[in-house]
Amino acid sequence: MTRMTKRQPEATRRSTRVELRPPTDKLTAVPYSTPNDPDRRFIDLRAHPEQVELIRELDGRPAMREQVELLNARSSPFFSIGCERAVSRLRREDGSPVWKTTSYVQFAFVDPARCQIASYEPIVRALHGAIDCGVESNEWNRLVELEPDPIVFQPAGRRAWSMTIWTSAYAQDGETSVHEWSLCMLAQTGVMGSWIRLGSLDATDI
């Protein structure tokens, strides 16, 4: 599996914007299933890490797989809920083509009592501090958006909050877009891994 080098976070930071989205009302049940698509269902990777092979959204996407495996690692306070990636061809305002690779990874704390929006703030600050290019920069082609999303734990019906990381990368061709997206995902995973290893919700200096 591809690993992030120490040089990648700084290079990623120069061309990455990190933004916090407002909370949404997109309620997700955990665990969940999709009757019309049995393969799209919640998989408990903390209990069954080998079942990562069943998540088709991760096929051929080592950068996303690495992040999902990190979130579900034994040392992690999190678990993943769902993920997806897509590549699309868009048009700029002047009509010129641009390719966009975008994805999301949704996760939550294993402990339902910690699934409050405020509990995610330290890791949001860590990601922003490590990879955001700064408000003064207009030259970026990678966008990381952090979005609080409500969830309900079944069968208890307990409401809580999760966090979704939306990652987008833009380029003039599809291959470069995917490459830029992969670098951004790896940079995120490096920051998250360091934060998890520190083992403190107050850790912000990575």
N, C-alpha and C. Protein backbone atom coordinates (compact mmCIF):
# COMPACT_ATOMS: atom_id res chain seq x y z
N MET A 1 0.84 -1.20 0.00
CA MET A 1 0.00 0.00 0.00
C MET A 1 0.88 1.24 0.00
N THR A 2 0.52 2.25 -0.76
CA THR A 2 1.29 3.47 -0.85
C THR A 2 1.29 4.20 0.49
N ARG A 3 2.47 4.68 0.89
CA ARG A 3 2.59 5.43 2.13
C ARG A 3 2.99 6.86 1.83
N MET A 4 2.55 7.77 2.68
CA MET A 4 2.85 9.17 2.48
C MET A 4 4.26 9.47 2.94
N THR A 5 5.04 10.21 2.16
CA THR A 5 6.35 10.64 2.57
C THR A 5 6.24 11.92 3.37
N LYS A 6 7.32 12.31 4.04
CA LYS A 6 7.29 13.50 4.86
C LYS A 6 7.17 14.76 4.03
N ARG A 7 7.56 14.71 2.76
CA ARG A 7 7.52 15.91 1.94
C ARG A 7 6.11 16.21 1.41
N GLN A 8 5.26 15.24 1.36
CA GLN A 8 3.96 15.43 0.73
C GLN A 8 3.04 16.41 1.46
N PRO A 9 2.98 16.44 2.83
CA PRO A 9 2.04 17.35 3.48
C PRO A 9 2.30 18.81 3.12
N GLU A 10 3.59 19.25 3.07
CA GLU A 10 3.88 20.64 2.76
C GLU A 10 3.50 20.96 1.32
N ALA A 11 3.81 20.04 0.40
CA ALA A 11 3.43 20.26 -0.99
C ALA A 11 1.91 20.32 -1.14
N THR A 12 1.22 19.45 -0.41
CA THR A 12 -0.24 19.46 -0.46
C THR A 12 -0.80 20.74 0.14
N ARG A 13 -0.17 21.21 1.20
CA ARG A 13 -0.67 22.41 1.86
C ARG A 13 -0.66 23.61 0.93
N ARG A 14 0.34 23.70 0.05
CA ARG A 14 0.44 24.86 -0.83
C ARG A 14 -0.71 24.95 -1.83
N SER A 15 -1.44 23.84 -2.03
CA SER A 15 -2.50 23.87 -3.04
C SER A 15 -3.82 23.30 -2.52
N THR A 16 -4.03 23.31 -1.20
CA THR A 16 -5.23 22.72 -0.59
C THR A 16 -5.96 23.74 0.27
N ARG A 17 -7.26 23.86 0.05
CA ARG A 17 -8.11 24.64 0.93
C ARG A 17 -8.86 23.69 1.86
N VAL A 18 -9.01 24.06 3.12
CA VAL A 18 -9.77 23.29 4.10
C VAL A 18 -10.87 24.17 4.64
N GLU A 19 -12.11 23.71 4.52
CA GLU A 19 -13.26 24.50 4.96
C GLU A 19 -14.20 23.66 5.82
N LEU A 20 -14.86 24.30 6.74
CA LEU A 20 -15.85 23.64 7.59
C LEU A 20 -17.24 23.98 7.08
N ARG A 21 -17.99 22.96 6.70
CA ARG A 21 -19.36 23.17 6.26
C ARG A 21 -20.28 23.27 7.47
N PRO A 22 -21.43 23.90 7.31
CA PRO A 22 -22.42 23.91 8.41
C PRO A 22 -23.01 22.51 8.59
N PRO A 23 -23.51 22.19 9.77
CA PRO A 23 -24.15 20.89 9.98
C PRO A 23 -25.32 20.68 9.04
N THR A 24 -25.53 19.44 8.63
CA THR A 24 -26.63 19.13 7.72
C THR A 24 -27.72 18.38 8.48
N ASP A 25 -28.81 18.10 7.76
CA ASP A 25 -29.89 17.30 8.34
C ASP A 25 -30.00 15.94 7.64
N LYS A 26 -28.90 15.50 7.01
CA LYS A 26 -28.89 14.21 6.31
C LYS A 26 -28.68 13.08 7.32
N LEU A 27 -29.76 12.55 7.83
CA LEU A 27 -29.70 11.55 8.89
C LEU A 27 -29.35 10.17 8.33
N THR A 28 -28.35 9.53 8.93
CA THR A 28 -27.91 8.20 8.52
C THR A 28 -28.10 7.23 9.67
N ALA A 29 -28.73 6.10 9.40
CA ALA A 29 -28.88 5.06 10.42
C ALA A 29 -27.62 4.21 10.45
N VAL A 30 -27.18 3.85 11.64
CA VAL A 30 -26.01 3.00 11.81
C VAL A 30 -26.37 1.85 12.74
N PRO A 31 -26.29 0.61 12.25
CA PRO A 31 -25.92 0.20 10.90
C PRO A 31 -27.06 0.44 9.90
N TYR A 32 -26.73 0.38 8.61
CA TYR A 32 -27.72 0.61 7.57
C TYR A 32 -27.60 -0.48 6.50
N SER A 33 -28.62 -0.58 5.69
CA SER A 33 -28.60 -1.49 4.54
C SER A 33 -29.38 -0.81 3.42
N THR A 34 -29.13 -1.28 2.19
CA THR A 34 -29.81 -0.75 1.02
C THR A 34 -30.53 -1.90 0.33
N PRO A 35 -31.85 -2.02 0.49
CA PRO A 35 -32.58 -3.18 -0.05
C PRO A 35 -32.38 -3.38 -1.55
N ASN A 36 -32.29 -2.29 -2.31
CA ASN A 36 -32.14 -2.43 -3.76
C ASN A 36 -30.70 -2.70 -4.19
N ASP A 37 -29.77 -2.63 -3.26
CA ASP A 37 -28.36 -2.86 -3.55
C ASP A 37 -27.71 -3.50 -2.33
N PRO A 38 -27.81 -4.82 -2.18
CA PRO A 38 -27.32 -5.50 -0.99
C PRO A 38 -25.84 -5.27 -0.69
N ASP A 39 -25.05 -4.95 -1.72
CA ASP A 39 -23.63 -4.71 -1.50
C ASP A 39 -23.36 -3.39 -0.79
N ARG A 40 -24.32 -2.47 -0.85
CA ARG A 40 -24.16 -1.18 -0.17
C ARG A 40 -24.80 -1.29 1.22
N ARG A 41 -23.96 -1.54 2.17
CA ARG A 41 -24.44 -1.74 3.54
C ARG A 41 -23.32 -1.36 4.50
N PHE A 42 -23.70 -1.18 5.74
CA PHE A 42 -22.70 -0.89 6.76
C PHE A 42 -21.89 -2.14 7.06
N ILE A 43 -20.58 -1.97 7.11
CA ILE A 43 -19.69 -3.07 7.47
C ILE A 43 -18.86 -2.63 8.67
N ASP A 44 -18.91 -3.39 9.72
CA ASP A 44 -18.17 -3.08 10.94
C ASP A 44 -16.73 -3.54 10.78
N LEU A 45 -15.87 -2.63 10.33
CA LEU A 45 -14.48 -3.00 10.07
C LEU A 45 -13.65 -3.09 11.34
N ARG A 46 -14.12 -2.55 12.41
CA ARG A 46 -13.39 -2.73 13.68
C ARG A 46 -13.51 -4.17 14.15
N ALA A 47 -14.70 -4.73 14.00
CA ALA A 47 -14.92 -6.12 14.40
C ALA A 47 -14.42 -7.10 13.34
N HIS A 48 -14.50 -6.69 12.07
CA HIS A 48 -14.14 -7.57 10.96
C HIS A 48 -13.27 -6.83 9.95
N PRO A 49 -12.01 -6.54 10.30
CA PRO A 49 -11.14 -5.77 9.40
C PRO A 49 -10.93 -6.43 8.05
N GLU A 50 -11.02 -7.76 8.00
CA GLU A 50 -10.81 -8.47 6.74
C GLU A 50 -11.92 -8.17 5.73
N GLN A 51 -13.06 -7.68 6.20
CA GLN A 51 -14.17 -7.40 5.29
C GLN A 51 -13.99 -6.10 4.51
N VAL A 52 -12.84 -5.45 4.70
CA VAL A 52 -12.53 -4.29 3.86
C VAL A 52 -12.53 -4.69 2.39
N GLU A 53 -12.24 -5.97 2.12
CA GLU A 53 -12.24 -6.45 0.74
C GLU A 53 -13.63 -6.43 0.13
N LEU A 54 -14.67 -6.35 0.95
CA LEU A 54 -16.04 -6.36 0.44
C LEU A 54 -16.53 -4.97 0.04
N ILE A 55 -15.77 -3.94 0.38
CA ILE A 55 -16.20 -2.58 0.09
C ILE A 55 -15.74 -2.21 -1.31
N ARG A 56 -16.64 -2.29 -2.24
CA ARG A 56 -16.26 -2.10 -3.64
C ARG A 56 -15.83 -0.68 -3.95
N GLU A 57 -16.28 0.29 -3.14
CA GLU A 57 -15.86 1.68 -3.36
C GLU A 57 -14.36 1.86 -3.16
N LEU A 58 -13.72 0.90 -2.50
CA LEU A 58 -12.28 1.00 -2.25
C LEU A 58 -11.44 0.29 -3.29
N ASP A 59 -12.07 -0.42 -4.22
CA ASP A 59 -11.33 -1.14 -5.25
C ASP A 59 -10.51 -0.17 -6.09
N GLY A 60 -9.21 -0.41 -6.18
CA GLY A 60 -8.34 0.44 -6.97
C GLY A 60 -8.13 1.83 -6.41
N ARG A 61 -8.43 2.02 -5.13
CA ARG A 61 -8.31 3.34 -4.50
C ARG A 61 -7.51 3.22 -3.20
N PRO A 62 -6.21 2.95 -3.31
CA PRO A 62 -5.41 2.70 -2.11
C PRO A 62 -5.37 3.86 -1.13
N ALA A 63 -5.44 5.10 -1.62
CA ALA A 63 -5.39 6.24 -0.71
C ALA A 63 -6.63 6.28 0.18
N MET A 64 -7.79 6.01 -0.40
CA MET A 64 -9.02 5.98 0.39
C MET A 64 -9.03 4.77 1.32
N ARG A 65 -8.57 3.64 0.82
CA ARG A 65 -8.54 2.44 1.65
C ARG A 65 -7.65 2.65 2.87
N GLU A 66 -6.51 3.31 2.69
CA GLU A 66 -5.61 3.55 3.82
C GLU A 66 -6.29 4.39 4.88
N GLN A 67 -7.06 5.40 4.45
CA GLN A 67 -7.75 6.24 5.42
C GLN A 67 -8.84 5.46 6.15
N VAL A 68 -9.59 4.67 5.43
CA VAL A 68 -10.66 3.87 6.05
C VAL A 68 -10.06 2.86 7.03
N GLU A 69 -8.96 2.24 6.67
CA GLU A 69 -8.33 1.27 7.58
C GLU A 69 -7.79 1.97 8.83
N LEU A 70 -7.25 3.17 8.67
CA LEU A 70 -6.77 3.92 9.83
C LEU A 70 -7.92 4.24 10.77
N LEU A 71 -9.03 4.72 10.24
CA LEU A 71 -10.17 5.10 11.08
C LEU A 71 -10.68 3.93 11.89
N ASN A 72 -10.57 2.72 11.34
CA ASN A 72 -11.09 1.53 12.01
C ASN A 72 -10.02 0.73 12.75
N ALA A 73 -8.81 1.26 12.83
CA ALA A 73 -7.73 0.56 13.52
C ALA A 73 -8.06 0.42 15.01
N ARG A 74 -7.46 -0.57 15.62
CA ARG A 74 -7.73 -0.83 17.05
C ARG A 74 -7.39 0.38 17.91
N SER A 75 -6.35 1.13 17.53
CA SER A 75 -5.92 2.28 18.31
C SER A 75 -6.77 3.52 18.07
N SER A 76 -7.64 3.47 17.07
CA SER A 76 -8.43 4.65 16.70
C SER A 76 -9.69 4.77 17.55
N PRO A 77 -10.10 6.00 17.89
CA PRO A 77 -11.36 6.18 18.62
C PRO A 77 -12.56 6.22 17.68
N PHE A 78 -12.31 6.05 16.35
CA PHE A 78 -13.36 6.21 15.36
C PHE A 78 -13.75 4.88 14.70
N PHE A 79 -14.84 4.94 13.94
CA PHE A 79 -15.20 3.88 13.01
C PHE A 79 -15.78 4.55 11.77
N SER A 80 -15.61 3.91 10.63
CA SER A 80 -16.12 4.49 9.39
C SER A 80 -17.56 4.06 9.15
N ILE A 81 -18.32 4.93 8.51
CA ILE A 81 -19.73 4.67 8.23
C ILE A 81 -19.95 4.40 6.75
N GLY A 82 -19.30 5.16 5.89
CA GLY A 82 -19.47 4.97 4.46
C GLY A 82 -18.45 5.79 3.69
N CYS A 83 -18.29 5.48 2.41
CA CYS A 83 -17.35 6.21 1.57
C CYS A 83 -17.74 6.03 0.10
N GLU A 84 -17.26 6.96 -0.73
CA GLU A 84 -17.53 6.87 -2.16
C GLU A 84 -16.59 7.83 -2.89
N ARG A 85 -16.29 7.51 -4.16
CA ARG A 85 -15.47 8.40 -4.98
C ARG A 85 -16.01 8.42 -6.40
N ALA A 86 -15.88 9.57 -7.07
CA ALA A 86 -16.34 9.71 -8.44
C ALA A 86 -15.41 10.65 -9.19
N VAL A 87 -15.32 10.44 -10.50
CA VAL A 87 -14.54 11.31 -11.38
C VAL A 87 -15.50 11.85 -12.44
N SER A 88 -15.47 13.17 -12.65
CA SER A 88 -16.39 13.78 -13.61
C SER A 88 -15.68 14.84 -14.43
N ARG A 89 -16.21 15.09 -15.61
CA ARG A 89 -15.67 16.11 -16.51
C ARG A 89 -16.61 17.31 -16.50
N LEU A 90 -16.08 18.47 -16.16
CA LEU A 90 -16.88 19.67 -16.01
C LEU A 90 -16.44 20.71 -17.03
N ARG A 91 -17.13 21.84 -17.03
CA ARG A 91 -16.78 22.97 -17.88
C ARG A 91 -16.61 24.22 -17.02
N ARG A 92 -15.54 24.96 -17.27
CA ARG A 92 -15.35 26.23 -16.60
C ARG A 92 -16.31 27.27 -17.18
N GLU A 93 -16.34 28.44 -16.56
CA GLU A 93 -17.21 29.51 -17.06
C GLU A 93 -16.84 29.93 -18.48
N ASP A 94 -15.54 29.81 -18.82
CA ASP A 94 -15.12 30.18 -20.17
C ASP A 94 -15.29 29.04 -21.17
N GLY A 95 -15.83 27.91 -20.72
CA GLY A 95 -16.08 26.79 -21.61
C GLY A 95 -14.97 25.77 -21.67
N SER A 96 -13.82 26.04 -21.06
CA SER A 96 -12.71 25.10 -21.08
C SER A 96 -12.99 23.92 -20.16
N PRO A 97 -12.49 22.74 -20.51
CA PRO A 97 -12.78 21.54 -19.70
C PRO A 97 -11.94 21.48 -18.43
N VAL A 98 -12.47 20.85 -17.42
CA VAL A 98 -11.74 20.58 -16.19
C VAL A 98 -12.27 19.27 -15.62
N TRP A 99 -11.37 18.47 -15.09
CA TRP A 99 -11.75 17.19 -14.49
C TRP A 99 -11.77 17.34 -12.98
N LYS A 100 -12.74 16.71 -12.36
CA LYS A 100 -12.89 16.77 -10.90
C LYS A 100 -12.99 15.35 -10.34
N THR A 101 -12.12 15.06 -9.39
CA THR A 101 -12.23 13.82 -8.62
C THR A 101 -12.70 14.21 -7.23
N THR A 102 -13.77 13.59 -6.78
CA THR A 102 -14.33 13.94 -5.48
C THR A 102 -14.70 12.68 -4.71
N SER A 103 -14.68 12.78 -3.40
CA SER A 103 -14.98 11.61 -2.56
C SER A 103 -15.49 12.09 -1.20
N TYR A 104 -16.04 11.14 -0.47
CA TYR A 104 -16.34 11.41 0.93
C TYR A 104 -16.02 10.19 1.76
N VAL A 105 -15.65 10.42 3.00
CA VAL A 105 -15.49 9.38 4.01
C VAL A 105 -16.21 9.88 5.25
N GLN A 106 -17.19 9.13 5.70
CA GLN A 106 -17.98 9.51 6.88
C GLN A 106 -17.54 8.64 8.05
N PHE A 107 -17.33 9.26 9.21
CA PHE A 107 -16.88 8.50 10.38
C PHE A 107 -17.47 9.10 11.65
N ALA A 108 -17.39 8.33 12.73
CA ALA A 108 -17.90 8.79 14.02
C ALA A 108 -17.08 8.16 15.13
N PHE A 109 -17.23 8.69 16.33
CA PHE A 109 -16.58 8.10 17.49
C PHE A 109 -17.25 6.76 17.83
N VAL A 110 -16.44 5.82 18.26
CA VAL A 110 -16.98 4.53 18.70
C VAL A 110 -17.88 4.73 19.92
N ASP A 111 -17.47 5.61 20.82
CA ASP A 111 -18.25 5.90 22.02
C ASP A 111 -19.36 6.88 21.66
N PRO A 112 -20.61 6.47 21.68
CA PRO A 112 -21.70 7.39 21.29
C PRO A 112 -21.73 8.67 22.10
N ALA A 113 -21.26 8.61 23.35
CA ALA A 113 -21.28 9.80 24.20
C ALA A 113 -20.34 10.88 23.68
N ARG A 114 -19.37 10.49 22.86
CA ARG A 114 -18.42 11.47 22.31
C ARG A 114 -18.86 12.00 20.94
N CYS A 115 -19.97 11.51 20.44
CA CYS A 115 -20.42 11.90 19.10
C CYS A 115 -21.17 13.22 19.13
N GLN A 116 -20.49 14.26 19.59
CA GLN A 116 -21.02 15.61 19.59
C GLN A 116 -20.16 16.46 18.65
N ILE A 117 -20.74 17.49 18.06
CA ILE A 117 -19.99 18.30 17.11
C ILE A 117 -18.70 18.84 17.74
N ALA A 118 -18.78 19.28 18.99
CA ALA A 118 -17.61 19.86 19.64
C ALA A 118 -16.47 18.85 19.78
N SER A 119 -16.79 17.57 19.85
CA SER A 119 -15.76 16.55 20.02
C SER A 119 -14.88 16.40 18.79
N TYR A 120 -15.39 16.81 17.63
CA TYR A 120 -14.61 16.70 16.39
C TYR A 120 -13.73 17.92 16.14
N GLU A 121 -13.93 18.99 16.92
CA GLU A 121 -13.21 20.23 16.66
C GLU A 121 -11.69 20.08 16.69
N PRO A 122 -11.11 19.31 17.63
CA PRO A 122 -9.65 19.19 17.63
C PRO A 122 -9.07 18.57 16.35
N ILE A 123 -9.70 17.54 15.84
CA ILE A 123 -9.16 16.93 14.63
C ILE A 123 -9.42 17.81 13.41
N VAL A 124 -10.52 18.57 13.43
CA VAL A 124 -10.76 19.55 12.36
C VAL A 124 -9.65 20.60 12.38
N ARG A 125 -9.29 21.09 13.57
CA ARG A 125 -8.21 22.08 13.68
C ARG A 125 -6.88 21.49 13.23
N ALA A 126 -6.65 20.23 13.56
CA ALA A 126 -5.40 19.60 13.15
C ALA A 126 -5.29 19.52 11.64
N LEU A 127 -6.36 19.13 10.97
CA LEU A 127 -6.36 19.06 9.51
C LEU A 127 -6.19 20.44 8.89
N HIS A 128 -6.90 21.41 9.44
CA HIS A 128 -6.80 22.77 8.90
C HIS A 128 -5.39 23.32 9.09
N GLY A 129 -4.82 23.12 10.26
CA GLY A 129 -3.50 23.67 10.54
C GLY A 129 -2.40 23.01 9.72
N ALA A 130 -2.58 21.74 9.37
CA ALA A 130 -1.52 21.00 8.70
C ALA A 130 -1.56 21.12 7.19
N ILE A 131 -2.74 21.22 6.58
CA ILE A 131 -2.78 21.14 5.12
C ILE A 131 -3.46 22.33 4.44
N ASP A 132 -4.04 23.28 5.19
CA ASP A 132 -4.70 24.42 4.55
C ASP A 132 -3.66 25.42 4.05
N CYS A 133 -3.85 25.92 2.84
CA CYS A 133 -2.88 26.83 2.22
C CYS A 133 -2.99 28.25 2.73
N GLY A 134 -4.04 28.56 3.47
CA GLY A 134 -4.18 29.91 4.02
C GLY A 134 -5.16 30.76 3.23
N VAL A 135 -5.81 31.66 3.93
CA VAL A 135 -6.86 32.47 3.29
C VAL A 135 -6.29 33.42 2.24
N GLU A 136 -5.01 33.71 2.32
CA GLU A 136 -4.43 34.65 1.36
C GLU A 136 -4.15 34.02 0.01
N SER A 137 -4.24 32.70 -0.09
CA SER A 137 -3.91 32.01 -1.33
C SER A 137 -5.16 31.76 -2.17
N ASN A 138 -5.08 32.13 -3.44
CA ASN A 138 -6.15 31.83 -4.39
C ASN A 138 -5.75 30.74 -5.37
N GLU A 139 -4.54 30.24 -5.23
CA GLU A 139 -4.02 29.23 -6.15
C GLU A 139 -4.09 27.86 -5.50
N TRP A 140 -5.26 27.26 -5.57
CA TRP A 140 -5.43 25.92 -5.00
C TRP A 140 -6.25 25.09 -5.97
N ASN A 141 -6.00 23.79 -5.97
CA ASN A 141 -6.77 22.87 -6.82
C ASN A 141 -7.28 21.67 -6.04
N ARG A 142 -7.10 21.72 -4.72
CA ARG A 142 -7.62 20.65 -3.86
C ARG A 142 -8.48 21.29 -2.77
N LEU A 143 -9.63 20.72 -2.53
CA LEU A 143 -10.56 21.26 -1.54
C LEU A 143 -10.98 20.16 -0.58
N VAL A 144 -10.80 20.42 0.71
CA VAL A 144 -11.22 19.51 1.77
C VAL A 144 -12.32 20.19 2.57
N GLU A 145 -13.50 19.60 2.59
CA GLU A 145 -14.63 20.17 3.31
C GLU A 145 -15.07 19.19 4.40
N LEU A 146 -15.17 19.71 5.61
CA LEU A 146 -15.53 18.91 6.77
C LEU A 146 -16.96 19.23 7.16
N GLU A 147 -17.80 18.21 7.17
CA GLU A 147 -19.24 18.42 7.32
C GLU A 147 -19.80 17.57 8.45
N PRO A 148 -20.34 18.19 9.51
CA PRO A 148 -21.03 17.42 10.55
C PRO A 148 -22.37 16.90 10.03
N ASP A 149 -22.59 15.60 10.21
CA ASP A 149 -23.83 14.97 9.75
C ASP A 149 -24.47 14.18 10.88
N PRO A 150 -25.78 14.29 11.05
CA PRO A 150 -26.45 13.54 12.13
C PRO A 150 -26.56 12.06 11.79
N ILE A 151 -26.47 11.24 12.82
CA ILE A 151 -26.66 9.79 12.68
C ILE A 151 -27.58 9.32 13.80
N VAL A 152 -28.13 8.13 13.63
CA VAL A 152 -28.93 7.51 14.68
C VAL A 152 -28.44 6.08 14.85
N PHE A 153 -28.04 5.75 16.07
CA PHE A 153 -27.56 4.41 16.37
C PHE A 153 -28.75 3.47 16.55
N GLN A 154 -28.77 2.41 15.75
CA GLN A 154 -29.81 1.40 15.85
C GLN A 154 -29.30 0.19 16.63
N PRO A 155 -30.16 -0.51 17.36
CA PRO A 155 -31.61 -0.34 17.45
C PRO A 155 -32.06 0.64 18.55
N ALA A 156 -31.09 1.22 19.27
CA ALA A 156 -31.47 2.06 20.41
C ALA A 156 -32.16 3.34 19.97
N GLY A 157 -31.89 3.80 18.74
CA GLY A 157 -32.49 5.03 18.26
C GLY A 157 -31.85 6.28 18.82
N ARG A 158 -30.60 6.17 19.29
CA ARG A 158 -29.92 7.31 19.89
C ARG A 158 -29.37 8.23 18.81
N ARG A 159 -29.70 9.52 18.88
CA ARG A 159 -29.20 10.49 17.93
C ARG A 159 -27.80 10.94 18.33
N ALA A 160 -26.97 11.20 17.32
CA ALA A 160 -25.60 11.63 17.57
C ALA A 160 -25.10 12.36 16.33
N TRP A 161 -23.79 12.69 16.33
CA TRP A 161 -23.19 13.39 15.20
C TRP A 161 -21.98 12.63 14.67
N SER A 162 -21.86 12.64 13.37
CA SER A 162 -20.69 12.10 12.69
C SER A 162 -19.98 13.24 11.98
N MET A 163 -18.85 12.93 11.36
CA MET A 163 -18.13 13.90 10.54
C MET A 163 -17.88 13.28 9.17
N THR A 164 -18.10 14.05 8.12
CA THR A 164 -17.83 13.60 6.75
C THR A 164 -16.74 14.48 6.14
N ILE A 165 -15.72 13.84 5.61
CA ILE A 165 -14.65 14.56 4.91
C ILE A 165 -14.91 14.46 3.41
N TRP A 166 -15.20 15.59 2.79
CA TRP A 166 -15.35 15.67 1.34
C TRP A 166 -14.03 16.15 0.75
N THR A 167 -13.49 15.41 -0.20
CA THR A 167 -12.21 15.76 -0.81
C THR A 167 -12.39 15.89 -2.31
N SER A 168 -11.99 17.03 -2.86
CA SER A 168 -12.10 17.26 -4.31
C SER A 168 -10.76 17.73 -4.85
N ALA A 169 -10.45 17.30 -6.07
CA ALA A 169 -9.23 17.74 -6.75
C ALA A 169 -9.57 18.04 -8.20
N TYR A 170 -9.05 19.15 -8.71
CA TYR A 170 -9.35 19.61 -10.06
C TYR A 170 -8.07 19.61 -10.90
N ALA A 171 -8.20 19.23 -12.17
CA ALA A 171 -7.06 19.23 -13.08
C ALA A 171 -7.57 19.25 -14.51
N GLN A 172 -6.66 19.46 -15.45
CA GLN A 172 -7.05 19.55 -16.86
C GLN A 172 -7.26 18.18 -17.49
N ASP A 173 -6.86 17.12 -16.81
CA ASP A 173 -7.12 15.78 -17.32
C ASP A 173 -7.48 14.87 -16.14
N GLY A 174 -8.18 13.78 -16.45
CA GLY A 174 -8.68 12.90 -15.41
C GLY A 174 -7.59 12.24 -14.60
N GLU A 175 -6.51 11.81 -15.25
CA GLU A 175 -5.44 11.12 -14.54
C GLU A 175 -4.77 12.03 -13.51
N THR A 176 -4.51 13.27 -13.89
CA THR A 176 -3.91 14.21 -12.95
C THR A 176 -4.86 14.52 -11.80
N SER A 177 -6.14 14.62 -12.10
CA SER A 177 -7.13 14.88 -11.06
C SER A 177 -7.13 13.77 -10.01
N VAL A 178 -7.09 12.53 -10.46
CA VAL A 178 -7.06 11.39 -9.54
C VAL A 178 -5.77 11.41 -8.72
N HIS A 179 -4.65 11.74 -9.37
CA HIS A 179 -3.37 11.79 -8.67
C HIS A 179 -3.38 12.86 -7.58
N GLU A 180 -3.88 14.04 -7.91
CA GLU A 180 -3.95 15.12 -6.93
C GLU A 180 -4.88 14.75 -5.77
N TRP A 181 -5.97 14.12 -6.09
CA TRP A 181 -6.91 13.66 -5.05
C TRP A 181 -6.22 12.66 -4.13
N SER A 182 -5.47 11.72 -4.70
CA SER A 182 -4.77 10.71 -3.90
C SER A 182 -3.77 11.35 -2.94
N LEU A 183 -3.00 12.33 -3.43
CA LEU A 183 -2.04 13.01 -2.57
C LEU A 183 -2.74 13.71 -1.42
N CYS A 184 -3.88 14.32 -1.71
CA CYS A 184 -4.63 15.02 -0.67
C CYS A 184 -5.17 14.04 0.37
N MET A 185 -5.67 12.91 -0.09
CA MET A 185 -6.16 11.89 0.84
C MET A 185 -5.03 11.37 1.72
N LEU A 186 -3.86 11.13 1.14
CA LEU A 186 -2.73 10.63 1.91
C LEU A 186 -2.27 11.65 2.95
N ALA A 187 -2.30 12.93 2.57
CA ALA A 187 -1.92 13.97 3.53
C ALA A 187 -2.89 14.00 4.71
N GLN A 188 -4.18 13.91 4.42
CA GLN A 188 -5.18 13.86 5.49
C GLN A 188 -4.91 12.68 6.42
N THR A 189 -4.68 11.52 5.83
CA THR A 189 -4.48 10.31 6.62
C THR A 189 -3.24 10.43 7.50
N GLY A 190 -2.19 11.08 6.97
CA GLY A 190 -1.00 11.29 7.78
C GLY A 190 -1.30 12.15 9.00
N VAL A 191 -2.06 13.22 8.82
CA VAL A 191 -2.42 14.09 9.93
C VAL A 191 -3.30 13.34 10.93
N MET A 192 -4.29 12.62 10.41
CA MET A 192 -5.19 11.88 11.29
C MET A 192 -4.45 10.80 12.07
N GLY A 193 -3.50 10.14 11.41
CA GLY A 193 -2.73 9.11 12.09
C GLY A 193 -1.89 9.68 13.21
N SER A 194 -1.26 10.84 12.98
CA SER A 194 -0.47 11.49 14.03
C SER A 194 -1.36 11.91 15.18
N TRP A 195 -2.53 12.45 14.85
CA TRP A 195 -3.47 12.89 15.88
C TRP A 195 -3.94 11.71 16.73
N ILE A 196 -4.23 10.61 16.08
CA ILE A 196 -4.69 9.42 16.81
C ILE A 196 -3.57 8.89 17.71
N ARG A 197 -2.33 8.90 17.21
CA ARG A 197 -1.23 8.39 18.01
C ARG A 197 -0.98 9.23 19.25
N LEU A 198 -1.26 10.52 19.16
CA LEU A 198 -1.10 11.36 20.34
C LEU A 198 -2.11 11.00 21.42
N GLY A 199 -3.26 10.47 20.98
CA GLY A 199 -4.22 9.95 21.96
C GLY A 199 -4.88 10.99 22.83
N SER A 200 -5.01 12.23 22.31
CA SER A 200 -5.63 13.28 23.10
C SER A 200 -6.54 14.12 22.24
N LEU A 201 -7.74 14.39 22.71
CA LEU A 201 -8.67 15.25 21.97
C LEU A 201 -8.22 16.70 21.95
N ASP A 202 -7.24 17.04 22.77
CA ASP A 202 -6.74 18.40 22.80
C ASP A 202 -5.51 18.58 21.93
N ALA A 203 -5.10 17.51 21.20
CA ALA A 203 -3.91 17.59 20.37
C ALA A 203 -4.21 18.34 19.09
N THR A 204 -3.48 19.43 18.88
CA THR A 204 -3.67 20.20 17.65
C THR A 204 -2.36 20.45 16.93
N ASP A 205 -1.23 20.27 17.59
CA ASP A 205 0.07 20.49 16.95
C ASP A 205 0.59 19.19 16.40
N ILE A 206 0.50 18.99 15.10
CA ILE A 206 0.93 17.75 14.45
C ILE A 206 2.28 17.97 13.80
